[in-house]
Amino acid sequence: MKGIERACNIIVAAALIILPFNANAAESISPAGPIGGTDIRSALLPPPGNYVAAVAGGMNIDKWYTSNGDSMSADGHVYFAGTGLLHVYDQPFLSGTIASSLYLGALRTCFGISSVSCASGMQDIYSDVFAWSKFNPSNQFSPNSPIPFGTAYWVGLGLNIPTGNYKKDRSPNVGSNFYTISPNVGITHTMSSIFPNGLGEATELSARLFFNYYTENRDTDYHSGYVVSLDFAGTQRSGPWQYGITGTTYKQLNDDTLNSTQVANGGSRAALFSVGPLLAYDFTIDGKPYSLMTKFLTTVWGENTTGVSGLTLRLATKF
């Protein structure tokens, strides 16, 4: 039961879909990862088996960040729904656990500065082609406790497959029309609460770092620069409840190119930082464990990207 309860919160995330639009070439980039990114318990894998989660959410787009971090008014919104599937293999590997995942979703997005355009349809497929997790328990860890005191380490290889709805001459687009290859590493550390006991029994710090390599868009000869992205969370655990702060940030490392030539305005490098509250609740119905999570994220800074605020819901369980 302990492992299943932990699993329910790390199977799939469901909310913050960042949609940076490059004004020079009508291209878009998005750091790879499960729909909405990762947050709590992100380096933990559950016991062998099959897991599923449903996700849904929406957000408002209210600004565009320029190259120097200033912002201008913009208009738009994003609505999405999806599902994630996780298979954890029976065979251990290097004293850890291995898994693969698949995430499918549909999205409607509208965006504009002087006028608003919309697009809708299926998103690109995301897969954790390979994920490995090793949990090192602390002296406080008890197999009968739902709280995994100790440290978990994660190594994975993510892949975005360009199956989403895409049209060359349309902006915005739901699909990207290029592959994203994303090796990633993560850590989750759970310890006795650093706050008074009334705020919970444990404090959890969790993060996952992605390196995002984008292939060239063959229809436009546009190649987005490499991006490093980080999802993080600092939370308290109190019985079946978990609450705290979560966020996501990314930074583009090199310039975009068009026909192998650097694009204008300093290469249109994108950057972003978003943060907000998170609340999760674990429960059981007819002996079957579930986990419900909600988070609200808002962009506080960016460059060459949109500013958004939005709510995500996720419900996860085991098959």
C-alpha atoms as a PDB file:
ATOM      1  CA  MET A   1       0.000   0.000   0.000  1.00  0.00           C
ATOM      2  CA  LYS A   2       2.834   2.408   0.854  1.00  0.00           C
ATOM      3  CA  GLY A   3       4.317   2.140  -2.635  1.00  0.00           C
ATOM      4  CA  ILE A   4       0.967   2.497  -4.382  1.00  0.00           C
ATOM      5  CA  GLU A   5       0.135   5.652  -2.463  1.00  0.00           C
ATOM      6  CA  ARG A   6       3.496   7.139  -3.398  1.00  0.00           C
ATOM      7  CA  ALA A   7       2.967   6.137  -7.018  1.00  0.00           C
ATOM      8  CA  CYS A   8      -0.334   7.937  -7.409  1.00  0.00           C
ATOM      9  CA  ASN A   9       1.292  11.351  -7.151  1.00  0.00           C
ATOM     10  CA  ILE A  10       4.210  10.841  -9.539  1.00  0.00           C
ATOM     11  CA  ILE A  11       2.582   9.049 -12.442  1.00  0.00           C
ATOM     12  CA  VAL A  12       1.584  12.114 -14.458  1.00  0.00           C
ATOM     13  CA  ALA A  13       1.268  15.839 -13.866  1.00  0.00           C
ATOM     14  CA  ALA A  14      -1.539  17.793 -15.322  1.00  0.00           C
ATOM     15  CA  ALA A  15      -1.364  21.425 -15.674  1.00  0.00           C
ATOM     16  CA  LEU A  16       1.134  24.037 -16.543  1.00  0.00           C
ATOM     17  CA  ILE A  17       1.550  23.845 -20.293  1.00  0.00           C
ATOM     18  CA  ILE A  18       3.857  26.724 -21.203  1.00  0.00           C
ATOM     19  CA  LEU A  19       3.463  27.926 -24.783  1.00  0.00           C
ATOM     20  CA  PRO A  20       6.284  30.257 -25.786  1.00  0.00           C
ATOM     21  CA  PHE A  21       5.708  31.663 -29.262  1.00  0.00           C
ATOM     22  CA  ASN A  22       8.661  32.878 -31.276  1.00  0.00           C
ATOM     23  CA  ALA A  23       7.410  35.975 -33.033  1.00  0.00           C
ATOM     24  CA  ASN A  24      10.100  35.837 -35.727  1.00  0.00           C
ATOM     25  CA  ALA A  25       9.248  32.475 -37.211  1.00  0.00           C
ATOM     26  CA  ALA A  26       5.867  31.422 -35.807  1.00  0.00           C
ATOM     27  CA  GLU A  27       7.594  28.573 -33.997  1.00  0.00           C
ATOM     28  CA  SER A  28       6.999  27.326 -30.490  1.00  0.00           C
ATOM     29  CA  ILE A  29       9.025  25.377 -27.948  1.00  0.00           C
ATOM     30  CA  SER A  30       7.992  23.642 -24.774  1.00  0.00           C
ATOM     31  CA  PRO A  31      10.243  21.775 -22.363  1.00  0.00           C
ATOM     32  CA  ALA A  32       9.572  18.042 -22.559  1.00  0.00           C
ATOM     33  CA  GLY A  33       7.966  16.090 -19.754  1.00  0.00           C
ATOM     34  CA  PRO A  34       4.628  14.705 -18.600  1.00  0.00           C
ATOM     35  CA  ILE A  35       1.660  16.949 -19.331  1.00  0.00           C
ATOM     36  CA  GLY A  36       2.017  19.803 -16.875  1.00  0.00           C
ATOM     37  CA  GLY A  37       5.514  18.905 -15.729  1.00  0.00           C
ATOM     38  CA  THR A  38       6.540  17.081 -12.578  1.00  0.00           C
ATOM     39  CA  ASP A  39       6.120  18.196  -8.969  1.00  0.00           C
ATOM     40  CA  ILE A  40       5.889  16.189  -5.717  1.00  0.00           C
ATOM     41  CA  ARG A  41       7.528  12.752  -5.294  1.00  0.00           C
ATOM     42  CA  SER A  42       8.985  13.136  -8.775  1.00  0.00           C
ATOM     43  CA  ALA A  43      12.008  10.833  -8.325  1.00  0.00           C
ATOM     44  CA  LEU A  44      10.020   7.928  -6.843  1.00  0.00           C
ATOM     45  CA  LEU A  45       8.707   4.922  -8.752  1.00  0.00           C
ATOM     46  CA  PRO A  46       5.951   2.639  -7.376  1.00  0.00           C
ATOM     47  CA  PRO A  47       6.044  -1.182  -7.137  1.00  0.00           C
ATOM     48  CA  PRO A  48       5.838  -3.210 -10.376  1.00  0.00           C
ATOM     49  CA  GLY A  49       2.497  -2.879 -12.150  1.00  0.00           C
ATOM     50  CA  ASN A  50       0.413  -0.581 -14.334  1.00  0.00           C
ATOM     51  CA  TYR A  51      -0.773   2.878 -13.306  1.00  0.00           C
ATOM     52  CA  VAL A  52      -3.057   5.468 -14.871  1.00  0.00           C
ATOM     53  CA  ALA A  53      -3.892   9.120 -14.293  1.00  0.00           C
ATOM     54  CA  ALA A  54      -6.404  11.582 -15.735  1.00  0.00           C
ATOM     55  CA  VAL A  55      -5.490  15.255 -15.982  1.00  0.00           C
ATOM     56  CA  ALA A  56      -7.333  18.437 -16.920  1.00  0.00           C
ATOM     57  CA  GLY A  57      -6.900  22.164 -16.530  1.00  0.00           C
ATOM     58  CA  GLY A  58      -6.988  25.619 -17.966  1.00  0.00           C
ATOM     59  CA  MET A  59      -5.032  28.825 -17.874  1.00  0.00           C
ATOM     60  CA  ASN A  60      -5.174  32.417 -18.926  1.00  0.00           C
ATOM     61  CA  ILE A  61      -2.513  34.107 -21.075  1.00  0.00           C
ATOM     62  CA  ASP A  62      -2.248  37.789 -20.184  1.00  0.00           C
ATOM     63  CA  LYS A  63       1.183  39.003 -21.314  1.00  0.00           C
ATOM     64  CA  TRP A  64       4.122  38.554 -23.621  1.00  0.00           C
ATOM     65  CA  TYR A  65       7.653  38.877 -22.227  1.00  0.00           C
ATOM     66  CA  THR A  66      10.154  40.573 -24.528  1.00  0.00           C
ATOM     67  CA  SER A  67      13.870  39.825 -24.931  1.00  0.00           C
ATOM     68  CA  ASN A  68      14.900  42.033 -21.991  1.00  0.00           C
ATOM     69  CA  GLY A  69      12.253  40.716 -19.578  1.00  0.00           C
ATOM     70  CA  ASP A  70       9.794  43.578 -20.029  1.00  0.00           C
ATOM     71  CA  SER A  71       6.195  42.636 -20.774  1.00  0.00           C
ATOM     72  CA  MET A  72       3.339  43.804 -22.977  1.00  0.00           C
ATOM     73  CA  SER A  73      -0.354  42.972 -22.779  1.00  0.00           C
ATOM     74  CA  ALA A  74      -1.504  39.860 -24.624  1.00  0.00           C
ATOM     75  CA  ASP A  75      -4.691  37.843 -24.750  1.00  0.00           C
ATOM     76  CA  GLY A  76      -5.375  34.134 -24.827  1.00  0.00           C
ATOM     77  CA  HIS A  77      -6.188  30.956 -22.970  1.00  0.00           C
ATOM     78  CA  VAL A  78      -5.388  27.238 -22.898  1.00  0.00           C
ATOM     79  CA  TYR A  79      -7.709  24.341 -22.022  1.00  0.00           C
ATOM     80  CA  PHE A  80      -6.460  20.757 -21.949  1.00  0.00           C
ATOM     81  CA  ALA A  81      -7.240  17.193 -20.883  1.00  0.00           C
ATOM     82  CA  GLY A  82      -5.186  14.046 -21.064  1.00  0.00           C
ATOM     83  CA  THR A  83      -4.184  10.723 -19.613  1.00  0.00           C
ATOM     84  CA  GLY A  84      -0.915   9.107 -18.594  1.00  0.00           C
ATOM     85  CA  LEU A  85       0.032   5.437 -18.446  1.00  0.00           C
ATOM     86  CA  LEU A  86       2.986   4.074 -16.467  1.00  0.00           C
ATOM     87  CA  HIS A  87       4.382   0.542 -16.537  1.00  0.00           C
ATOM     88  CA  VAL A  88       6.869  -0.448 -13.832  1.00  0.00           C
ATOM     89  CA  TYR A  89       8.839  -3.555 -14.773  1.00  0.00           C
ATOM     90  CA  ASP A  90       9.221  -6.576 -12.508  1.00  0.00           C
ATOM     91  CA  GLN A  91      12.964  -6.874 -13.071  1.00  0.00           C
ATOM     92  CA  PRO A  92      15.216  -4.730 -10.844  1.00  0.00           C
ATOM     93  CA  PHE A  93      18.165  -2.916 -12.424  1.00  0.00           C
ATOM     94  CA  LEU A  94      21.306  -1.735 -10.600  1.00  0.00           C
ATOM     95  CA  SER A  95      19.492  -2.114  -7.269  1.00  0.00           C
ATOM     96  CA  GLY A  96      16.719   0.157  -8.509  1.00  0.00           C
ATOM     97  CA  THR A  97      13.403   0.056 -10.375  1.00  0.00           C
ATOM     98  CA  ILE A  98      12.828   0.713 -14.083  1.00  0.00           C
ATOM     99  CA  ALA A  99       9.712   1.942 -15.892  1.00  0.00           C
ATOM    100  CA  SER A 100       8.291   3.379 -19.116  1.00  0.00           C
ATOM    101  CA  SER A 101       5.415   5.797 -19.621  1.00  0.00           C
ATOM    102  CA  LEU A 102       3.152   7.270 -22.287  1.00  0.00           C
ATOM    103  CA  TYR A 103       1.179  10.533 -22.114  1.00  0.00           C
ATOM    104  CA  LEU A 104      -1.651  11.536 -24.478  1.00  0.00           C
ATOM    105  CA  GLY A 105      -3.623  14.770 -24.479  1.00  0.00           C
ATOM    106  CA  ALA A 106      -5.840  17.188 -26.366  1.00  0.00           C
ATOM    107  CA  LEU A 107      -5.603  20.963 -26.176  1.00  0.00           C
ATOM    108  CA  ARG A 108      -7.261  24.176 -27.316  1.00  0.00           C
ATOM    109  CA  THR A 109      -5.157  27.311 -27.285  1.00  0.00           C
ATOM    110  CA  CYS A 110      -5.772  30.918 -28.311  1.00  0.00           C
ATOM    111  CA  PHE A 111      -3.139  33.645 -28.339  1.00  0.00           C
ATOM    112  CA  GLY A 112      -2.566  37.104 -29.739  1.00  0.00           C
ATOM    113  CA  ILE A 113      -1.236  40.593 -29.078  1.00  0.00           C
ATOM    114  CA  SER A 114      -3.156  42.739 -31.552  1.00  0.00           C
ATOM    115  CA  SER A 115      -5.507  39.955 -32.678  1.00  0.00           C
ATOM    116  CA  VAL A 116      -6.227  36.491 -31.303  1.00  0.00           C
ATOM    117  CA  SER A 117      -5.824  33.214 -33.220  1.00  0.00           C
ATOM    118  CA  CYS A 118      -6.818  29.751 -32.018  1.00  0.00           C
ATOM    119  CA  ALA A 119      -5.917  26.123 -32.620  1.00  0.00           C
ATOM    120  CA  SER A 120      -7.121  22.838 -31.154  1.00  0.00           C
ATOM    121  CA  GLY A 121      -6.482  19.133 -31.477  1.00  0.00           C
ATOM    122  CA  MET A 122      -4.280  16.318 -30.209  1.00  0.00           C
ATOM    123  CA  GLN A 123      -0.969  17.199 -28.602  1.00  0.00           C
ATOM    124  CA  ASP A 124       2.392  15.595 -29.277  1.00  0.00           C
ATOM    125  CA  ILE A 125       2.888  12.283 -27.496  1.00  0.00           C
ATOM    126  CA  TYR A 126       5.371  12.286 -24.608  1.00  0.00           C
ATOM    127  CA  SER A 127       7.102   9.135 -23.358  1.00  0.00           C
ATOM    128  CA  ASP A 128       9.548   8.348 -20.631  1.00  0.00           C
ATOM    129  CA  VAL A 129      11.215   5.773 -22.849  1.00  0.00           C
ATOM    130  CA  PHE A 130      13.362   4.682 -19.932  1.00  0.00           C
ATOM    131  CA  ALA A 131      13.244   5.708 -16.286  1.00  0.00           C
ATOM    132  CA  TRP A 132      15.311   4.342 -13.390  1.00  0.00           C
ATOM    133  CA  SER A 133      14.733   5.136  -9.731  1.00  0.00           C
ATOM    134  CA  LYS A 134      16.577   4.058  -6.607  1.00  0.00           C
ATOM    135  CA  PHE A 135      15.258   4.745  -3.113  1.00  0.00           C
ATOM    136  CA  ASN A 136      17.672   4.912  -0.179  1.00  0.00           C
ATOM    137  CA  PRO A 137      15.612   4.797   3.037  1.00  0.00           C
ATOM    138  CA  SER A 138      16.654   6.727   6.126  1.00  0.00           C
ATOM    139  CA  ASN A 139      16.652   5.373   9.668  1.00  0.00           C
ATOM    140  CA  GLN A 140      13.138   6.814  10.062  1.00  0.00           C
ATOM    141  CA  PHE A 141      11.680   4.787   7.198  1.00  0.00           C
ATOM    142  CA  SER A 142       9.026   2.222   8.089  1.00  0.00           C
ATOM    143  CA  PRO A 143       7.438  -0.145   5.530  1.00  0.00           C
ATOM    144  CA  ASN A 144       4.099   0.466   7.259  1.00  0.00           C
ATOM    145  CA  SER A 145       4.247   4.227   6.788  1.00  0.00           C
ATOM    146  CA  PRO A 146       2.881   6.000   3.697  1.00  0.00           C
ATOM    147  CA  ILE A 147       5.708   8.557   4.016  1.00  0.00           C
ATOM    148  CA  PRO A 148       8.948   7.417   2.309  1.00  0.00           C
ATOM    149  CA  PHE A 149      11.568   8.911   4.634  1.00  0.00           C
ATOM    150  CA  GLY A 150      14.847   8.886   2.737  1.00  0.00           C
ATOM    151  CA  THR A 151      16.224   9.934  -0.642  1.00  0.00           C
ATOM    152  CA  ALA A 152      15.191   8.759  -4.118  1.00  0.00           C
ATOM    153  CA  TYR A 153      17.319   9.282  -7.246  1.00  0.00           C
ATOM    154  CA  TRP A 154      16.006   9.302 -10.815  1.00  0.00           C
ATOM    155  CA  VAL A 155      17.617   8.966 -14.255  1.00  0.00           C
ATOM    156  CA  GLY A 156      15.434   9.015 -17.359  1.00  0.00           C
ATOM    157  CA  LEU A 157      15.237   9.547 -21.095  1.00  0.00           C
ATOM    158  CA  GLY A 158      12.205  11.489 -22.340  1.00  0.00           C
ATOM    159  CA  LEU A 159      10.930  11.826 -25.905  1.00  0.00           C
ATOM    160  CA  ASN A 160       8.332  14.131 -27.462  1.00  0.00           C
ATOM    161  CA  ILE A 161       6.945  12.615 -30.678  1.00  0.00           C
ATOM    162  CA  PRO A 162       5.464  15.134 -33.186  1.00  0.00           C
ATOM    163  CA  THR A 163       2.017  13.576 -33.548  1.00  0.00           C
ATOM    164  CA  GLY A 164       0.072  16.705 -32.592  1.00  0.00           C
ATOM    165  CA  ASN A 165      -2.072  18.926 -34.801  1.00  0.00           C
ATOM    166  CA  TYR A 166       0.272  21.177 -36.812  1.00  0.00           C
ATOM    167  CA  LYS A 167       0.015  23.481 -39.822  1.00  0.00           C
ATOM    168  CA  LYS A 168       3.047  25.241 -41.271  1.00  0.00           C
ATOM    169  CA  ASP A 169       1.400  28.643 -41.779  1.00  0.00           C
ATOM    170  CA  ARG A 170      -0.573  28.725 -38.511  1.00  0.00           C
ATOM    171  CA  SER A 171       0.314  30.308 -35.206  1.00  0.00           C
ATOM    172  CA  PRO A 172      -0.302  29.176 -32.541  1.00  0.00           C
ATOM    173  CA  ASN A 173       0.052  25.435 -33.134  1.00  0.00           C
ATOM    174  CA  VAL A 174      -0.894  22.543 -30.890  1.00  0.00           C
ATOM    175  CA  GLY A 175       1.804  20.225 -32.295  1.00  0.00           C
ATOM    176  CA  SER A 176       5.465  21.084 -32.713  1.00  0.00           C
ATOM    177  CA  ASN A 177       6.423  19.185 -35.901  1.00  0.00           C
ATOM    178  CA  PHE A 178       9.805  18.253 -34.418  1.00  0.00           C
ATOM    179  CA  TYR A 179      11.155  15.703 -31.965  1.00  0.00           C
ATOM    180  CA  THR A 180      12.375  16.618 -28.486  1.00  0.00           C
ATOM    181  CA  ILE A 181      14.937  14.341 -26.842  1.00  0.00           C
ATOM    182  CA  SER A 182      15.267  14.964 -23.108  1.00  0.00           C
ATOM    183  CA  PRO A 183      17.674  13.126 -20.811  1.00  0.00           C
ATOM    184  CA  ASN A 184      16.740  14.011 -17.222  1.00  0.00           C
ATOM    185  CA  VAL A 185      17.773  13.458 -13.613  1.00  0.00           C
ATOM    186  CA  GLY A 186      15.822  13.944 -10.402  1.00  0.00           C
ATOM    187  CA  ILE A 187      15.870  13.725  -6.633  1.00  0.00           C
ATOM    188  CA  THR A 188      13.253  13.499  -3.875  1.00  0.00           C
ATOM    189  CA  HIS A 189      14.341  13.882  -0.263  1.00  0.00           C
ATOM    190  CA  THR A 190      11.859  13.343   2.584  1.00  0.00           C
ATOM    191  CA  MET A 191      12.830  14.125   6.190  1.00  0.00           C
ATOM    192  CA  SER A 192      11.257  14.936   9.540  1.00  0.00           C
ATOM    193  CA  SER A 193       9.352  18.204   9.382  1.00  0.00           C
ATOM    194  CA  ILE A 194      11.526  21.305   9.593  1.00  0.00           C
ATOM    195  CA  PHE A 195       8.447  23.168  10.836  1.00  0.00           C
ATOM    196  CA  PRO A 196       6.359  22.733  14.040  1.00  0.00           C
ATOM    197  CA  ASN A 197       4.564  19.378  14.321  1.00  0.00           C
ATOM    198  CA  GLY A 198       1.192  21.013  13.758  1.00  0.00           C
ATOM    199  CA  LEU A 199       2.180  21.636  10.135  1.00  0.00           C
ATOM    200  CA  GLY A 200       2.887  17.974   9.381  1.00  0.00           C
ATOM    201  CA  GLU A 201       5.148  15.019  10.088  1.00  0.00           C
ATOM    202  CA  ALA A 202       7.503  15.398   7.142  1.00  0.00           C
ATOM    203  CA  THR A 203       9.091  17.894   4.772  1.00  0.00           C
ATOM    204  CA  GLU A 204       9.680  16.857   1.151  1.00  0.00           C
ATOM    205  CA  LEU A 205      12.004  18.509  -1.375  1.00  0.00           C
ATOM    206  CA  SER A 206      11.690  17.289  -4.946  1.00  0.00           C
ATOM    207  CA  ALA A 207      13.152  18.341  -8.303  1.00  0.00           C
ATOM    208  CA  ARG A 208      13.737  17.043 -11.817  1.00  0.00           C
ATOM    209  CA  LEU A 209      16.152  18.590 -14.327  1.00  0.00           C
ATOM    210  CA  PHE A 210      15.726  18.125 -18.105  1.00  0.00           C
ATOM    211  CA  PHE A 211      18.078  18.854 -20.996  1.00  0.00           C
ATOM    212  CA  ASN A 212      15.903  19.425 -24.086  1.00  0.00           C
ATOM    213  CA  TYR A 213      17.350  18.852 -27.564  1.00  0.00           C
ATOM    214  CA  TYR A 214      15.034  19.812 -30.448  1.00  0.00           C
ATOM    215  CA  THR A 215      15.327  18.479 -33.975  1.00  0.00           C
ATOM    216  CA  GLU A 216      14.805  20.811 -36.930  1.00  0.00           C
ATOM    217  CA  ASN A 217      11.302  21.548 -38.181  1.00  0.00           C
ATOM    218  CA  ARG A 218      11.558  20.203 -41.729  1.00  0.00           C
ATOM    219  CA  ASP A 219       8.595  22.269 -42.943  1.00  0.00           C
ATOM    220  CA  THR A 220      10.091  25.617 -41.901  1.00  0.00           C
ATOM    221  CA  ASP A 221      13.861  24.897 -41.652  1.00  0.00           C
ATOM    222  CA  TYR A 222      13.648  26.358 -38.139  1.00  0.00           C
ATOM    223  CA  HIS A 223      15.754  24.888 -35.320  1.00  0.00           C
ATOM    224  CA  SER A 224      15.054  25.888 -31.715  1.00  0.00           C
ATOM    225  CA  GLY A 225      18.001  26.235 -29.336  1.00  0.00           C
ATOM    226  CA  TYR A 226      18.718  23.770 -26.547  1.00  0.00           C
ATOM    227  CA  VAL A 227      16.753  24.319 -23.321  1.00  0.00           C
ATOM    228  CA  VAL A 228      17.481  23.339 -19.725  1.00  0.00           C
ATOM    229  CA  SER A 229      14.325  23.071 -17.587  1.00  0.00           C
ATOM    230  CA  LEU A 230      13.698  22.368 -13.911  1.00  0.00           C
ATOM    231  CA  ASP A 231      10.481  21.343 -12.134  1.00  0.00           C
ATOM    232  CA  PHE A 232      10.549  21.580  -8.341  1.00  0.00           C
ATOM    233  CA  ALA A 233       8.410  21.381  -5.196  1.00  0.00           C
ATOM    234  CA  GLY A 234       8.850  22.017  -1.483  1.00  0.00           C
ATOM    235  CA  THR A 235       5.977  20.552   0.543  1.00  0.00           C
ATOM    236  CA  GLN A 236       4.740  19.378   3.924  1.00  0.00           C
ATOM    237  CA  ARG A 237       3.117  15.971   4.524  1.00  0.00           C
ATOM    238  CA  SER A 238       0.415  15.686   7.161  1.00  0.00           C
ATOM    239  CA  GLY A 239      -1.440  12.376   7.230  1.00  0.00           C
ATOM    240  CA  PRO A 240      -3.106  11.911   3.816  1.00  0.00           C
ATOM    241  CA  TRP A 241      -2.505  15.584   2.921  1.00  0.00           C
ATOM    242  CA  GLN A 242       0.464  17.142   1.138  1.00  0.00           C
ATOM    243  CA  TYR A 243       0.735  20.871   0.537  1.00  0.00           C
ATOM    244  CA  GLY A 244       3.284  23.536  -0.305  1.00  0.00           C
ATOM    245  CA  ILE A 245       4.924  25.342  -3.208  1.00  0.00           C
ATOM    246  CA  THR A 246       5.728  24.051  -6.672  1.00  0.00           C
ATOM    247  CA  GLY A 247       7.163  25.658  -9.764  1.00  0.00           C
ATOM    248  CA  THR A 248       8.912  25.348 -13.095  1.00  0.00           C
ATOM    249  CA  THR A 249      11.697  27.266 -14.784  1.00  0.00           C
ATOM    250  CA  TYR A 250      13.652  26.985 -17.999  1.00  0.00           C
ATOM    251  CA  LYS A 251      16.432  28.751 -19.874  1.00  0.00           C
ATOM    252  CA  GLN A 252      17.369  28.495 -23.547  1.00  0.00           C
ATOM    253  CA  LEU A 253      21.117  27.980 -23.912  1.00  0.00           C
ATOM    254  CA  ASN A 254      21.794  28.848 -27.541  1.00  0.00           C
ATOM    255  CA  ASP A 255      20.168  30.780 -30.383  1.00  0.00           C
ATOM    256  CA  ASP A 256      17.368  29.643 -32.645  1.00  0.00           C
ATOM    257  CA  THR A 257      18.372  29.305 -36.289  1.00  0.00           C
ATOM    258  CA  LEU A 258      16.460  29.629 -39.556  1.00  0.00           C
ATOM    259  CA  ASN A 259      18.102  27.980 -42.582  1.00  0.00           C
ATOM    260  CA  SER A 260      21.181  27.552 -40.335  1.00  0.00           C
ATOM    261  CA  THR A 261      21.335  31.323 -39.743  1.00  0.00           C
ATOM    262  CA  GLN A 262      20.801  32.916 -36.321  1.00  0.00           C
ATOM    263  CA  VAL A 263      17.434  34.631 -36.099  1.00  0.00           C
ATOM    264  CA  ALA A 264      17.134  38.313 -35.203  1.00  0.00           C
ATOM    265  CA  ASN A 265      16.825  39.880 -31.749  1.00  0.00           C
ATOM    266  CA  GLY A 266      19.675  37.979 -30.090  1.00  0.00           C
ATOM    267  CA  GLY A 267      18.500  34.590 -31.316  1.00  0.00           C
ATOM    268  CA  SER A 268      15.133  34.871 -29.531  1.00  0.00           C
ATOM    269  CA  ARG A 269      16.349  32.902 -26.518  1.00  0.00           C
ATOM    270  CA  ALA A 270      13.471  32.035 -24.184  1.00  0.00           C
ATOM    271  CA  ALA A 271      13.399  31.864 -20.385  1.00  0.00           C
ATOM    272  CA  LEU A 272      10.668  31.517 -17.783  1.00  0.00           C
ATOM    273  CA  PHE A 273       9.970  31.176 -14.070  1.00  0.00           C
ATOM    274  CA  SER A 274       6.535  30.154 -12.719  1.00  0.00           C
ATOM    275  CA  VAL A 275       5.516  29.292  -9.168  1.00  0.00           C
ATOM    276  CA  GLY A 276       2.402  28.634  -7.079  1.00  0.00           C
ATOM    277  CA  PRO A 277       0.635  26.562  -4.397  1.00  0.00           C
ATOM    278  CA  LEU A 278      -0.031  22.810  -4.517  1.00  0.00           C
ATOM    279  CA  LEU A 279      -2.427  20.590  -2.555  1.00  0.00           C
ATOM    280  CA  ALA A 280      -2.695  16.775  -2.738  1.00  0.00           C
ATOM    281  CA  TYR A 281      -4.863  14.212  -0.944  1.00  0.00           C
ATOM    282  CA  ASP A 282      -4.498  10.405  -0.836  1.00  0.00           C
ATOM    283  CA  PHE A 283      -7.624   8.309  -0.240  1.00  0.00           C
ATOM    284  CA  THR A 284      -9.055   4.811  -0.705  1.00  0.00           C
ATOM    285  CA  ILE A 285     -12.354   3.659  -2.243  1.00  0.00           C
ATOM    286  CA  ASP A 286     -13.327  -0.017  -1.903  1.00  0.00           C
ATOM    287  CA  GLY A 287      -9.747  -0.864  -1.014  1.00  0.00           C
ATOM    288  CA  LYS A 288      -8.307   0.853  -4.090  1.00  0.00           C
ATOM    289  CA  PRO A 289      -5.923   3.798  -3.522  1.00  0.00           C
ATOM    290  CA  TYR A 290      -6.329   7.119  -5.308  1.00  0.00           C
ATOM    291  CA  SER A 291      -4.526  10.431  -5.225  1.00  0.00           C
ATOM    292  CA  LEU A 292      -6.011  13.808  -6.112  1.00  0.00           C
ATOM    293  CA  MET A 293      -3.746  16.792  -6.759  1.00  0.00           C
ATOM    294  CA  THR A 294      -4.387  20.414  -7.682  1.00  0.00           C
ATOM    295  CA  LYS A 295      -1.922  23.232  -8.277  1.00  0.00           C
ATOM    296  CA  PHE A 296      -2.093  26.828  -9.423  1.00  0.00           C
ATOM    297  CA  LEU A 297       0.921  28.292 -11.224  1.00  0.00           C
ATOM    298  CA  THR A 298       1.589  31.809 -12.408  1.00  0.00           C
ATOM    299  CA  THR A 299       4.482  33.225 -14.413  1.00  0.00           C
ATOM    300  CA  VAL A 300       6.514  35.796 -12.503  1.00  0.00           C
ATOM    301  CA  TRP A 301       9.291  36.393 -15.055  1.00  0.00           C
ATOM    302  CA  GLY A 302      10.157  35.473 -18.624  1.00  0.00           C
ATOM    303  CA  GLU A 303      11.920  36.352 -21.864  1.00  0.00           C
ATOM    304  CA  ASN A 304      10.506  35.730 -25.356  1.00  0.00           C
ATOM    305  CA  THR A 305       7.608  33.771 -23.902  1.00  0.00           C
ATOM    306  CA  THR A 306       4.027  34.114 -22.722  1.00  0.00           C
ATOM    307  CA  GLY A 307       2.931  34.899 -19.172  1.00  0.00           C
ATOM    308  CA  VAL A 308       0.207  32.562 -17.895  1.00  0.00           C
ATOM    309  CA  SER A 309      -1.786  31.706 -14.785  1.00  0.00           C
ATOM    310  CA  GLY A 310      -3.720  28.475 -14.482  1.00  0.00           C
ATOM    311  CA  LEU A 311      -5.144  25.607 -12.479  1.00  0.00           C
ATOM    312  CA  THR A 312      -4.395  21.876 -12.884  1.00  0.00           C
ATOM    313  CA  LEU A 313      -6.218  18.815 -11.576  1.00  0.00           C
ATOM    314  CA  ARG A 314      -4.846  15.260 -11.532  1.00  0.00           C
ATOM    315  CA  LEU A 315      -6.457  11.998 -10.366  1.00  0.00           C
ATOM    316  CA  ALA A 316      -4.265   8.887 -10.312  1.00  0.00           C
ATOM    317  CA  THR A 317      -4.598   5.241  -9.348  1.00  0.00           C
ATOM    318  CA  LYS A 318      -3.360   1.721 -10.132  1.00  0.00           C
ATOM    319  CA  PHE A 319      -5.003  -0.540 -12.714  1.00  0.00           C
END
